[in-house]
Full PDB file with SEQRES, HELIX, SHEET, SSBOND, CRYST1, ORIGX, SCALE, CONECT and MASTER records, all heavy atoms in Angstrom:
SEQRES   1 A   38  PRO TRP LYS VAL SER GLN SER GLY ARG ARG LYS GLN ASP          
SEQRES   2 A   38  TYR GLY PRO LYS VAL ASN PHE ARG LYS GLN LYS LEU LYS          
SEQRES   3 A   38  THR ALA GLY PHE GLN GLY LEU PRO SER PHE SER ARG              
HELIX    1 AA1 GLN A    6  GLY A    8  5                                   3    
HELIX    2 AA2 SER A   35  SER A   37  5                                   3    
SHEET    1 AA1 2 LYS A   3  VAL A   4  0                                        
SHEET    2 AA1 2 ARG A  10  LYS A  11 -1                                        
SHEET    1 AA2 2 LYS A  17  ASN A  19  0                                        
SHEET    2 AA2 2 LYS A  24  LYS A  26 -1                                        
CRYST1    1.000    1.000    1.000  90.00  90.00  90.00 P 1           1          
ORIGX1      1.000000  0.000000  0.000000        0.00000                         
ORIGX2      0.000000  1.000000  0.000000        0.00000                         
ORIGX3      0.000000  0.000000  1.000000        0.00000                         
SCALE1      1.000000  0.000000  0.000000        0.00000                         
SCALE2      0.000000  1.000000  0.000000        0.00000                         
SCALE3      0.000000  0.000000  1.000000        0.00000                         
ATOM      1  N   PRO A   1     -29.680  40.425 -45.482  1.00  0.00           N  
ATOM      2  CA  PRO A   1     -30.744  40.232 -46.485  1.00  0.00           C  
ATOM      3  C   PRO A   1     -31.825  39.272 -45.999  1.00  0.00           C  
ATOM      4  O   PRO A   1     -31.541  38.285 -45.323  1.00  0.00           O  
ATOM      5  CB  PRO A   1     -29.986  39.648 -47.683  1.00  0.00           C  
ATOM      6  CG  PRO A   1     -28.762  39.017 -47.097  1.00  0.00           C  
ATOM      7  CD  PRO A   1     -28.380  39.854 -45.922  1.00  0.00           C  
ATOM      8  N   TRP A   2     -33.065  39.591 -46.349  1.00  0.00           N  
ATOM      9  CA  TRP A   2     -34.199  38.698 -46.129  1.00  0.00           C  
ATOM     10  C   TRP A   2     -34.523  38.021 -47.452  1.00  0.00           C  
ATOM     11  O   TRP A   2     -34.523  38.661 -48.496  1.00  0.00           O  
ATOM     12  CB  TRP A   2     -35.428  39.476 -45.663  1.00  0.00           C  
ATOM     13  CG  TRP A   2     -35.361  40.034 -44.274  1.00  0.00           C  
ATOM     14  CD1 TRP A   2     -34.925  41.273 -43.914  1.00  0.00           C  
ATOM     15  CD2 TRP A   2     -35.782  39.388 -43.067  1.00  0.00           C  
ATOM     16  NE1 TRP A   2     -35.041  41.436 -42.550  1.00  0.00           N  
ATOM     17  CE2 TRP A   2     -35.561  40.298 -42.002  1.00  0.00           C  
ATOM     18  CE3 TRP A   2     -36.320  38.134 -42.783  1.00  0.00           C  
ATOM     19  CZ2 TRP A   2     -35.866  39.993 -40.672  1.00  0.00           C  
ATOM     20  CZ3 TRP A   2     -36.628  37.820 -41.465  1.00  0.00           C  
ATOM     21  CH2 TRP A   2     -36.398  38.738 -40.428  1.00  0.00           C  
ATOM     22  N   LYS A   3     -34.823  36.740 -47.416  1.00  0.00           N  
ATOM     23  CA  LYS A   3     -35.237  36.003 -48.599  1.00  0.00           C  
ATOM     24  C   LYS A   3     -36.756  35.899 -48.642  1.00  0.00           C  
ATOM     25  O   LYS A   3     -37.389  35.710 -47.606  1.00  0.00           O  
ATOM     26  CB  LYS A   3     -34.633  34.593 -48.599  1.00  0.00           C  
ATOM     27  CG  LYS A   3     -33.132  34.551 -48.766  1.00  0.00           C  
ATOM     28  CD  LYS A   3     -32.640  33.115 -48.831  1.00  0.00           C  
ATOM     29  CE  LYS A   3     -31.130  33.043 -49.023  1.00  0.00           C  
ATOM     30  NZ  LYS A   3     -30.654  31.634 -49.071  1.00  0.00           N  
ATOM     31  N   VAL A   4     -37.319  36.008 -49.841  1.00  0.00           N  
ATOM     32  CA  VAL A   4     -38.762  35.827 -49.960  1.00  0.00           C  
ATOM     33  C   VAL A   4     -39.103  34.377 -49.650  1.00  0.00           C  
ATOM     34  O   VAL A   4     -38.337  33.452 -49.962  1.00  0.00           O  
ATOM     35  CB  VAL A   4     -39.283  36.215 -51.355  1.00  0.00           C  
ATOM     36  CG1 VAL A   4     -39.108  37.687 -51.593  1.00  0.00           C  
ATOM     37  CG2 VAL A   4     -38.594  35.405 -52.441  1.00  0.00           C  
ATOM     38  N   SER A   5     -40.252  34.168 -49.016  1.00  0.00           N  
ATOM     39  CA  SER A   5     -40.710  32.837 -48.674  1.00  0.00           C  
ATOM     40  C   SER A   5     -42.174  32.724 -49.042  1.00  0.00           C  
ATOM     41  O   SER A   5     -42.764  33.655 -49.608  1.00  0.00           O  
ATOM     42  CB  SER A   5     -40.485  32.570 -47.177  1.00  0.00           C  
ATOM     43  OG  SER A   5     -40.790  31.226 -46.848  1.00  0.00           O  
ATOM     44  N   GLN A   6     -42.786  31.599 -48.701  1.00  0.00           N  
ATOM     45  CA  GLN A   6     -44.163  31.362 -49.103  1.00  0.00           C  
ATOM     46  C   GLN A   6     -45.155  32.111 -48.216  1.00  0.00           C  
ATOM     47  O   GLN A   6     -44.837  32.515 -47.099  1.00  0.00           O  
ATOM     48  CB  GLN A   6     -44.452  29.861 -49.068  1.00  0.00           C  
ATOM     49  CG  GLN A   6     -43.524  29.057 -49.971  1.00  0.00           C  
ATOM     50  CD  GLN A   6     -44.130  27.750 -50.407  1.00  0.00           C  
ATOM     51  OE1 GLN A   6     -45.112  27.719 -51.148  1.00  0.00           O  
ATOM     52  NE2 GLN A   6     -43.555  26.654 -49.964  1.00  0.00           N  
ATOM     53  N   SER A   7     -46.361  32.267 -48.723  1.00  0.00           N  
ATOM     54  CA  SER A   7     -47.488  32.864 -47.977  1.00  0.00           C  
ATOM     55  C   SER A   7     -47.151  34.236 -47.411  1.00  0.00           C  
ATOM     56  O   SER A   7     -47.560  34.583 -46.304  1.00  0.00           O  
ATOM     57  CB  SER A   7     -47.937  31.919 -46.854  1.00  0.00           C  
ATOM     58  OG  SER A   7     -48.323  30.671 -47.377  1.00  0.00           O  
ATOM     59  N   GLY A   8     -46.391  35.032 -48.173  1.00  0.00           N  
ATOM     60  CA  GLY A   8     -46.135  36.413 -47.791  1.00  0.00           C  
ATOM     61  C   GLY A   8     -45.086  36.609 -46.721  1.00  0.00           C  
ATOM     62  O   GLY A   8     -44.949  37.710 -46.189  1.00  0.00           O  
ATOM     63  N   ARG A   9     -44.341  35.560 -46.397  1.00  0.00           N  
ATOM     64  CA  ARG A   9     -43.310  35.698 -45.375  1.00  0.00           C  
ATOM     65  C   ARG A   9     -41.957  36.006 -46.014  1.00  0.00           C  
ATOM     66  O   ARG A   9     -41.740  35.773 -47.193  1.00  0.00           O  
ATOM     67  CB  ARG A   9     -43.178  34.413 -44.541  1.00  0.00           C  
ATOM     68  CG  ARG A   9     -44.461  33.961 -43.885  1.00  0.00           C  
ATOM     69  CD  ARG A   9     -44.218  32.745 -43.001  1.00  0.00           C  
ATOM     70  NE  ARG A   9     -43.580  31.625 -43.679  1.00  0.00           N  
ATOM     71  CZ  ARG A   9     -44.237  30.713 -44.395  1.00  0.00           C  
ATOM     72  NH1 ARG A   9     -45.554  30.788 -44.520  1.00  0.00           N  
ATOM     73  NH2 ARG A   9     -43.587  29.718 -44.978  1.00  0.00           N  
ATOM     74  N   ARG A  10     -41.042  36.530 -45.183  1.00  0.00           N  
ATOM     75  CA  ARG A  10     -39.630  36.603 -45.537  1.00  0.00           C  
ATOM     76  C   ARG A  10     -38.872  35.820 -44.474  1.00  0.00           C  
ATOM     77  O   ARG A  10     -39.362  35.658 -43.355  1.00  0.00           O  
ATOM     78  CB  ARG A  10     -39.144  38.050 -45.601  1.00  0.00           C  
ATOM     79  CG  ARG A  10     -39.888  38.912 -46.602  1.00  0.00           C  
ATOM     80  CD  ARG A  10     -39.238  40.275 -46.762  1.00  0.00           C  
ATOM     81  NE  ARG A  10     -39.123  40.968 -45.483  1.00  0.00           N  
ATOM     82  CZ  ARG A  10     -38.394  42.073 -45.298  1.00  0.00           C  
ATOM     83  NH1 ARG A  10     -37.698  42.569 -46.306  1.00  0.00           N  
ATOM     84  NH2 ARG A  10     -38.349  42.664 -44.120  1.00  0.00           N  
ATOM     85  N   LYS A  11     -37.667  35.359 -44.821  1.00  0.00           N  
ATOM     86  CA  LYS A  11     -36.967  34.505 -43.862  1.00  0.00           C  
ATOM     87  C   LYS A  11     -35.459  34.730 -43.893  1.00  0.00           C  
ATOM     88  O   LYS A  11     -34.888  35.216 -44.876  1.00  0.00           O  
ATOM     89  CB  LYS A  11     -37.265  33.029 -44.130  1.00  0.00           C  
ATOM     90  CG  LYS A  11     -36.712  32.512 -45.447  1.00  0.00           C  
ATOM     91  CD  LYS A  11     -37.029  31.025 -45.630  1.00  0.00           C  
ATOM     92  CE  LYS A  11     -36.462  30.497 -46.948  1.00  0.00           C  
ATOM     93  NZ  LYS A  11     -36.737  29.052 -47.127  1.00  0.00           N  
ATOM     94  N   GLN A  12     -34.846  34.367 -42.772  1.00  0.00           N  
ATOM     95  CA  GLN A  12     -33.394  34.277 -42.638  1.00  0.00           C  
ATOM     96  C   GLN A  12     -33.103  32.949 -41.934  1.00  0.00           C  
ATOM     97  O   GLN A  12     -33.626  32.701 -40.850  1.00  0.00           O  
ATOM     98  CB  GLN A  12     -32.836  35.435 -41.810  1.00  0.00           C  
ATOM     99  CG  GLN A  12     -32.982  36.802 -42.463  1.00  0.00           C  
ATOM    100  CD  GLN A  12     -32.544  37.933 -41.540  1.00  0.00           C  
ATOM    101  OE1 GLN A  12     -32.521  37.778 -40.323  1.00  0.00           O  
ATOM    102  NE2 GLN A  12     -32.214  39.075 -42.126  1.00  0.00           N  
ATOM    103  N   ASP A  13     -32.285  32.110 -42.550  1.00  0.00           N  
ATOM    104  CA  ASP A  13     -31.973  30.801 -41.982  1.00  0.00           C  
ATOM    105  C   ASP A  13     -30.535  30.760 -41.481  1.00  0.00           C  
ATOM    106  O   ASP A  13     -29.607  31.162 -42.194  1.00  0.00           O  
ATOM    107  CB  ASP A  13     -32.162  29.698 -43.034  1.00  0.00           C  
ATOM    108  CG  ASP A  13     -33.627  29.428 -43.330  1.00  0.00           C  
ATOM    109  OD1 ASP A  13     -34.420  29.406 -42.379  1.00  0.00           O  
ATOM    110  OD2 ASP A  13     -33.975  29.242 -44.514  1.00  0.00           O  
ATOM    111  N   TYR A  14     -30.375  30.266 -40.273  1.00  0.00           N  
ATOM    112  CA  TYR A  14     -29.063  30.000 -39.699  1.00  0.00           C  
ATOM    113  C   TYR A  14     -29.043  28.516 -39.324  1.00  0.00           C  
ATOM    114  O   TYR A  14     -29.531  28.132 -38.257  1.00  0.00           O  
ATOM    115  CB  TYR A  14     -28.819  30.837 -38.449  1.00  0.00           C  
ATOM    116  CG  TYR A  14     -28.780  32.333 -38.665  1.00  0.00           C  
ATOM    117  CD1 TYR A  14     -29.962  33.075 -38.700  1.00  0.00           C  
ATOM    118  CD2 TYR A  14     -27.577  33.011 -38.813  1.00  0.00           C  
ATOM    119  CE1 TYR A  14     -29.937  34.457 -38.884  1.00  0.00           C  
ATOM    120  CE2 TYR A  14     -27.538  34.381 -39.004  1.00  0.00           C  
ATOM    121  CZ  TYR A  14     -28.724  35.101 -39.042  1.00  0.00           C  
ATOM    122  OH  TYR A  14     -28.703  36.457 -39.220  1.00  0.00           O  
ATOM    123  N   GLY A  15     -28.524  27.695 -40.205  1.00  0.00           N  
ATOM    124  CA  GLY A  15     -28.521  26.260 -39.945  1.00  0.00           C  
ATOM    125  C   GLY A  15     -28.020  25.499 -41.145  1.00  0.00           C  
ATOM    126  O   GLY A  15     -27.738  26.072 -42.207  1.00  0.00           O  
ATOM    127  N   PRO A  16     -27.881  24.187 -41.008  1.00  0.00           N  
ATOM    128  CA  PRO A  16     -27.434  23.370 -42.147  1.00  0.00           C  
ATOM    129  C   PRO A  16     -28.489  23.333 -43.243  1.00  0.00           C  
ATOM    130  O   PRO A  16     -29.678  23.533 -42.984  1.00  0.00           O  
ATOM    131  CB  PRO A  16     -27.239  21.993 -41.520  1.00  0.00           C  
ATOM    132  CG  PRO A  16     -28.193  21.964 -40.366  1.00  0.00           C  
ATOM    133  CD  PRO A  16     -28.194  23.370 -39.823  1.00  0.00           C  
ATOM    134  N   LYS A  17     -28.047  23.089 -44.464  1.00  0.00           N  
ATOM    135  CA  LYS A  17     -28.987  22.886 -45.562  1.00  0.00           C  
ATOM    136  C   LYS A  17     -29.504  21.459 -45.485  1.00  0.00           C  
ATOM    137  O   LYS A  17     -28.726  20.516 -45.436  1.00  0.00           O  
ATOM    138  CB  LYS A  17     -28.304  23.138 -46.907  1.00  0.00           C  
ATOM    139  CG  LYS A  17     -27.921  24.595 -47.123  1.00  0.00           C  
ATOM    140  CD  LYS A  17     -27.369  24.826 -48.513  1.00  0.00           C  
ATOM    141  CE  LYS A  17     -27.055  26.302 -48.733  1.00  0.00           C  
ATOM    142  NZ  LYS A  17     -26.515  26.558 -50.104  1.00  0.00           N  
ATOM    143  N   VAL A  18     -30.825  21.317 -45.463  1.00  0.00           N  
ATOM    144  CA  VAL A  18     -31.431  20.019 -45.170  1.00  0.00           C  
ATOM    145  C   VAL A  18     -32.401  19.615 -46.279  1.00  0.00           C  
ATOM    146  O   VAL A  18     -33.202  20.428 -46.744  1.00  0.00           O  
ATOM    147  CB  VAL A  18     -32.183  20.054 -43.821  1.00  0.00           C  
ATOM    148  CG1 VAL A  18     -32.701  18.659 -43.469  1.00  0.00           C  
ATOM    149  CG2 VAL A  18     -31.290  20.579 -42.702  1.00  0.00           C  
ATOM    150  N   ASN A  19     -32.328  18.359 -46.677  1.00  0.00           N  
ATOM    151  CA  ASN A  19     -33.339  17.746 -47.536  1.00  0.00           C  
ATOM    152  C   ASN A  19     -34.098  16.758 -46.655  1.00  0.00           C  
ATOM    153  O   ASN A  19     -33.612  15.654 -46.401  1.00  0.00           O  
ATOM    154  CB  ASN A  19     -32.687  17.031 -48.728  1.00  0.00           C  
ATOM    155  CG  ASN A  19     -33.697  16.488 -49.717  1.00  0.00           C  
ATOM    156  OD1 ASN A  19     -34.756  15.977 -49.332  1.00  0.00           O  
ATOM    157  ND2 ASN A  19     -33.387  16.586 -51.005  1.00  0.00           N  
ATOM    158  N   PHE A  20     -35.237  17.181 -46.159  1.00  0.00           N  
ATOM    159  CA  PHE A  20     -35.978  16.351 -45.203  1.00  0.00           C  
ATOM    160  C   PHE A  20     -36.554  15.096 -45.868  1.00  0.00           C  
ATOM    161  O   PHE A  20     -36.657  14.058 -45.223  1.00  0.00           O  
ATOM    162  CB  PHE A  20     -37.095  17.160 -44.545  1.00  0.00           C  
ATOM    163  CG  PHE A  20     -36.579  18.229 -43.628  1.00  0.00           C  
ATOM    164  CD1 PHE A  20     -36.622  19.566 -43.992  1.00  0.00           C  
ATOM    165  CD2 PHE A  20     -36.038  17.903 -42.389  1.00  0.00           C  
ATOM    166  CE1 PHE A  20     -36.145  20.549 -43.152  1.00  0.00           C  
ATOM    167  CE2 PHE A  20     -35.559  18.874 -41.536  1.00  0.00           C  
ATOM    168  CZ  PHE A  20     -35.604  20.210 -41.922  1.00  0.00           C  
ATOM    169  N   ARG A  21     -36.905  15.199 -47.135  1.00  0.00           N  
ATOM    170  CA  ARG A  21     -37.493  14.039 -47.820  1.00  0.00           C  
ATOM    171  C   ARG A  21     -36.465  12.914 -47.950  1.00  0.00           C  
ATOM    172  O   ARG A  21     -36.766  11.745 -47.724  1.00  0.00           O  
ATOM    173  CB  ARG A  21     -38.026  14.458 -49.197  1.00  0.00           C  
ATOM    174  CG  ARG A  21     -38.742  13.338 -49.943  1.00  0.00           C  
ATOM    175  CD  ARG A  21     -39.349  13.863 -51.238  1.00  0.00           C  
ATOM    176  NE  ARG A  21     -38.341  14.404 -52.134  1.00  0.00           N  
ATOM    177  CZ  ARG A  21     -37.610  13.667 -52.985  1.00  0.00           C  
ATOM    178  NH1 ARG A  21     -37.785  12.360 -53.032  1.00  0.00           N  
ATOM    179  NH2 ARG A  21     -36.735  14.247 -53.783  1.00  0.00           N  
ATOM    180  N   LYS A  22     -35.220  13.281 -48.309  1.00  0.00           N  
ATOM    181  CA  LYS A  22     -34.155  12.284 -48.458  1.00  0.00           C  
ATOM    182  C   LYS A  22     -33.381  12.066 -47.163  1.00  0.00           C  
ATOM    183  O   LYS A  22     -32.505  11.197 -47.099  1.00  0.00           O  
ATOM    184  CB  LYS A  22     -33.195  12.718 -49.558  1.00  0.00           C  
ATOM    185  CG  LYS A  22     -33.819  12.776 -50.945  1.00  0.00           C  
ATOM    186  CD  LYS A  22     -32.792  13.159 -51.994  1.00  0.00           C  
ATOM    187  CE  LYS A  22     -33.398  13.189 -53.393  1.00  0.00           C  
ATOM    188  NZ  LYS A  22     -32.389  13.563 -54.421  1.00  0.00           N  
ATOM    189  N   GLN A  23     -33.682  12.866 -46.143  1.00  0.00           N  
ATOM    190  CA  GLN A  23     -32.994  12.802 -44.847  1.00  0.00           C  
ATOM    191  C   GLN A  23     -31.481  12.933 -45.037  1.00  0.00           C  
ATOM    192  O   GLN A  23     -30.685  12.110 -44.610  1.00  0.00           O  
ATOM    193  CB  GLN A  23     -33.351  11.511 -44.111  1.00  0.00           C  
ATOM    194  CG  GLN A  23     -34.817  11.456 -43.689  1.00  0.00           C  
ATOM    195  CD  GLN A  23     -35.119  10.353 -42.711  1.00  0.00           C  
ATOM    196  OE1 GLN A  23     -34.341   9.432 -42.511  1.00  0.00           O  
ATOM    197  NE2 GLN A  23     -36.284  10.437 -42.079  1.00  0.00           N  
ATOM    198  N   LYS A  24     -31.119  14.042 -45.678  1.00  0.00           N  
ATOM    199  CA  LYS A  24     -29.715  14.373 -45.873  1.00  0.00           C  
ATOM    200  C   LYS A  24     -29.493  15.838 -45.521  1.00  0.00           C  
ATOM    201  O   LYS A  24     -30.403  16.658 -45.648  1.00  0.00           O  
ATOM    202  CB  LYS A  24     -29.288  14.117 -47.322  1.00  0.00           C  
ATOM    203  CG  LYS A  24     -29.312  12.654 -47.741  1.00  0.00           C  
ATOM    204  CD  LYS A  24     -28.821  12.485 -49.168  1.00  0.00           C  
ATOM    205  CE  LYS A  24     -28.808  11.014 -49.570  1.00  0.00           C  
ATOM    206  NZ  LYS A  24     -28.316  10.838 -50.969  1.00  0.00           N  
ATOM    207  N   LEU A  25     -28.267  16.156 -45.063  1.00  0.00           N  
ATOM    208  CA  LEU A  25     -27.956  17.549 -44.746  1.00  0.00           C  
ATOM    209  C   LEU A  25     -26.510  17.853 -45.099  1.00  0.00           C  
ATOM    210  O   LEU A  25     -25.666  16.963 -45.195  1.00  0.00           O  
ATOM    211  CB  LEU A  25     -28.239  17.860 -43.278  1.00  0.00           C  
ATOM    212  CG  LEU A  25     -27.460  17.131 -42.192  1.00  0.00           C  
ATOM    213  CD1 LEU A  25     -26.130  17.811 -41.898  1.00  0.00           C  
ATOM    214  CD2 LEU A  25     -28.280  17.053 -40.906  1.00  0.00           C  
ATOM    215  N   LYS A  26     -26.241  19.156 -45.292  1.00  0.00           N  
ATOM    216  CA  LYS A  26     -24.903  19.638 -45.591  1.00  0.00           C  
ATOM    217  C   LYS A  26     -24.548  20.760 -44.616  1.00  0.00           C  
ATOM    218  O   LYS A  26     -25.368  21.640 -44.348  1.00  0.00           O  
ATOM    219  CB  LYS A  26     -24.830  20.149 -47.028  1.00  0.00           C  
ATOM    220  CG  LYS A  26     -25.073  19.091 -48.097  1.00  0.00           C  
ATOM    221  CD  LYS A  26     -24.996  19.703 -49.490  1.00  0.00           C  
ATOM    222  CE  LYS A  26     -25.245  18.648 -50.567  1.00  0.00           C  
ATOM    223  NZ  LYS A  26     -25.184  19.245 -51.942  1.00  0.00           N  
ATOM    224  N   THR A  27     -23.328  20.725 -44.119  1.00  0.00           N  
ATOM    225  CA  THR A  27     -22.882  21.775 -43.193  1.00  0.00           C  
ATOM    226  C   THR A  27     -22.163  22.905 -43.912  1.00  0.00           C  
ATOM    227  O   THR A  27     -21.890  23.946 -43.304  1.00  0.00           O  
ATOM    228  CB  THR A  27     -21.945  21.194 -42.126  1.00  0.00           C  
ATOM    229  OG1 THR A  27     -20.809  20.611 -42.777  1.00  0.00           O  
ATOM    230  CG2 THR A  27     -22.651  20.114 -41.313  1.00  0.00           C  
ATOM    231  N   ALA A  28     -21.855  22.727 -45.186  1.00  0.00           N  
ATOM    232  CA  ALA A  28     -21.110  23.737 -45.939  1.00  0.00           C  
ATOM    233  C   ALA A  28     -21.831  25.081 -45.903  1.00  0.00           C  
ATOM    234  O   ALA A  28     -23.021  25.173 -46.205  1.00  0.00           O  
ATOM    235  CB  ALA A  28     -20.929  23.276 -47.383  1.00  0.00           C  
ATOM    236  N   GLY A  29     -21.109  26.115 -45.505  1.00  0.00           N  
ATOM    237  CA  GLY A  29     -21.675  27.449 -45.450  1.00  0.00           C  
ATOM    238  C   GLY A  29     -22.290  27.817 -44.118  1.00  0.00           C  
ATOM    239  O   GLY A  29     -22.517  28.995 -43.833  1.00  0.00           O  
ATOM    240  N   PHE A  30     -22.576  26.823 -43.286  1.00  0.00           N  
ATOM    241  CA  PHE A  30     -23.169  27.088 -41.974  1.00  0.00           C  
ATOM    242  C   PHE A  30     -22.071  27.531 -41.012  1.00  0.00           C  
ATOM    243  O   PHE A  30     -21.119  26.797 -40.757  1.00  0.00           O  
ATOM    244  CB  PHE A  30     -23.863  25.828 -41.458  1.00  0.00           C  
ATOM    245  CG  PHE A  30     -24.472  25.962 -40.090  1.00  0.00           C  
ATOM    246  CD1 PHE A  30     -25.075  27.149 -39.682  1.00  0.00           C  
ATOM    247  CD2 PHE A  30     -24.468  24.895 -39.201  1.00  0.00           C  
ATOM    248  CE1 PHE A  30     -25.644  27.273 -38.420  1.00  0.00           C  
ATOM    249  CE2 PHE A  30     -25.033  25.000 -37.950  1.00  0.00           C  
ATOM    250  CZ  PHE A  30     -25.616  26.191 -37.553  1.00  0.00           C  
ATOM    251  N   GLN A  31     -22.206  28.742 -40.480  1.00  0.00           N  
ATOM    252  CA  GLN A  31     -21.200  29.328 -39.603  1.00  0.00           C  
ATOM    253  C   GLN A  31     -21.692  29.523 -38.173  1.00  0.00           C  
ATOM    254  O   GLN A  31     -20.985  30.067 -37.337  1.00  0.00           O  
ATOM    255  CB  GLN A  31     -20.724  30.671 -40.171  1.00  0.00           C  
ATOM    256  CG  GLN A  31     -20.062  30.549 -41.535  1.00  0.00           C  
ATOM    257  CD  GLN A  31     -19.690  31.900 -42.107  1.00  0.00           C  
ATOM    258  OE1 GLN A  31     -20.470  32.856 -42.055  1.00  0.00           O  
ATOM    259  NE2 GLN A  31     -18.481  31.989 -42.636  1.00  0.00           N  
ATOM    260  N   GLY A  32     -22.905  29.087 -37.901  1.00  0.00           N  
ATOM    261  CA  GLY A  32     -23.420  29.204 -36.545  1.00  0.00           C  
ATOM    262  C   GLY A  32     -24.600  30.138 -36.431  1.00  0.00           C  
ATOM    263  O   GLY A  32     -25.022  30.781 -37.399  1.00  0.00           O  
ATOM    264  N   LEU A  33     -25.159  30.217 -35.219  1.00  0.00           N  
ATOM    265  CA  LEU A  33     -26.216  31.175 -34.940  1.00  0.00           C  
ATOM    266  C   LEU A  33     -25.629  32.585 -34.946  1.00  0.00           C  
ATOM    267  O   LEU A  33     -24.421  32.759 -34.763  1.00  0.00           O  
ATOM    268  CB  LEU A  33     -26.859  30.884 -33.578  1.00  0.00           C  
ATOM    269  CG  LEU A  33     -27.451  29.490 -33.347  1.00  0.00           C  
ATOM    270  CD1 LEU A  33     -28.241  29.478 -32.035  1.00  0.00           C  
ATOM    271  CD2 LEU A  33     -28.316  29.045 -34.492  1.00  0.00           C  
ATOM    272  N   PRO A  34     -26.459  33.615 -35.120  1.00  0.00           N  
ATOM    273  CA  PRO A  34     -25.932  34.980 -35.123  1.00  0.00           C  
ATOM    274  C   PRO A  34     -25.455  35.403 -33.732  1.00  0.00           C  
ATOM    275  O   PRO A  34     -25.932  34.885 -32.718  1.00  0.00           O  
ATOM    276  CB  PRO A  34     -27.133  35.817 -35.580  1.00  0.00           C  
ATOM    277  CG  PRO A  34     -28.323  35.006 -35.190  1.00  0.00           C  
ATOM    278  CD  PRO A  34     -27.914  33.578 -35.362  1.00  0.00           C  
ATOM    279  N   SER A  35     -24.546  36.345 -33.696  1.00  0.00           N  
ATOM    280  CA  SER A  35     -23.956  36.773 -32.421  1.00  0.00           C  
ATOM    281  C   SER A  35     -24.992  37.329 -31.461  1.00  0.00           C  
ATOM    282  O   SER A  35     -24.877  37.155 -30.244  1.00  0.00           O  
ATOM    283  CB  SER A  35     -22.868  37.815 -32.684  1.00  0.00           C  
ATOM    284  OG  SER A  35     -23.405  38.944 -33.369  1.00  0.00           O  
ATOM    285  N   PHE A  36     -26.061  37.974 -31.988  1.00  0.00           N  
ATOM    286  CA  PHE A  36     -27.034  38.602 -31.090  1.00  0.00           C  
ATOM    287  C   PHE A  36     -27.918  37.580 -30.379  1.00  0.00           C  
ATOM    288  O   PHE A  36     -28.675  37.947 -29.478  1.00  0.00           O  
ATOM    289  CB  PHE A  36     -27.907  39.621 -31.848  1.00  0.00           C  
ATOM    290  CG  PHE A  36     -28.717  39.064 -32.987  1.00  0.00           C  
ATOM    291  CD1 PHE A  36     -29.903  38.380 -32.759  1.00  0.00           C  
ATOM    292  CD2 PHE A  36     -28.296  39.238 -34.298  1.00  0.00           C  
ATOM    293  CE1 PHE A  36     -30.659  37.881 -33.814  1.00  0.00           C  
ATOM    294  CE2 PHE A  36     -29.041  38.742 -35.361  1.00  0.00           C  
ATOM    295  CZ  PHE A  36     -30.228  38.060 -35.112  1.00  0.00           C  
ATOM    296  N   SER A  37     -27.812  36.307 -30.771  1.00  0.00           N  
ATOM    297  CA  SER A  37     -28.614  35.276 -30.108  1.00  0.00           C  
ATOM    298  C   SER A  37     -27.898  34.657 -28.910  1.00  0.00           C  
ATOM    299  O   SER A  37     -28.502  33.889 -28.161  1.00  0.00           O  
ATOM    300  CB  SER A  37     -28.989  34.164 -31.096  1.00  0.00           C  
ATOM    301  OG  SER A  37     -29.870  34.647 -32.082  1.00  0.00           O  
ATOM    302  N   ARG A  38     -26.642  34.983 -28.704  1.00  0.00           N  
ATOM    303  CA  ARG A  38     -25.887  34.387 -27.606  1.00  0.00           C  
ATOM    304  C   ARG A  38     -26.562  34.642 -26.260  1.00  0.00           C  
ATOM    305  O   ARG A  38     -26.729  33.734 -25.444  1.00  0.00           O  
ATOM    306  CB  ARG A  38     -24.454  34.936 -27.581  1.00  0.00           C  
ATOM    307  CG  ARG A  38     -23.574  34.272 -26.526  1.00  0.00           C  
ATOM    308  CD  ARG A  38     -22.227  34.974 -26.428  1.00  0.00           C  
ATOM    309  NE  ARG A  38     -21.458  34.864 -27.644  1.00  0.00           N  
ATOM    310  CZ  ARG A  38     -20.608  33.869 -27.910  1.00  0.00           C  
ATOM    311  NH1 ARG A  38     -20.434  32.893 -27.033  1.00  0.00           N  
ATOM    312  NH2 ARG A  38     -19.919  33.861 -29.049  1.00  0.00           N  
TER     313      ARG A  38                                                      
MASTER        0    0    0    2    4    0    0    6  312    1    0    3          
END                                                                             
């Protein structure tokens, strides 16, 4: 699935969930980069 994003883009994220303003991150749910990127 692609998620809708701003300015007409769609996105797929592979990474930790990050709050840049508070400088905090969570690893829950992050399973790594996709296999085709190896």
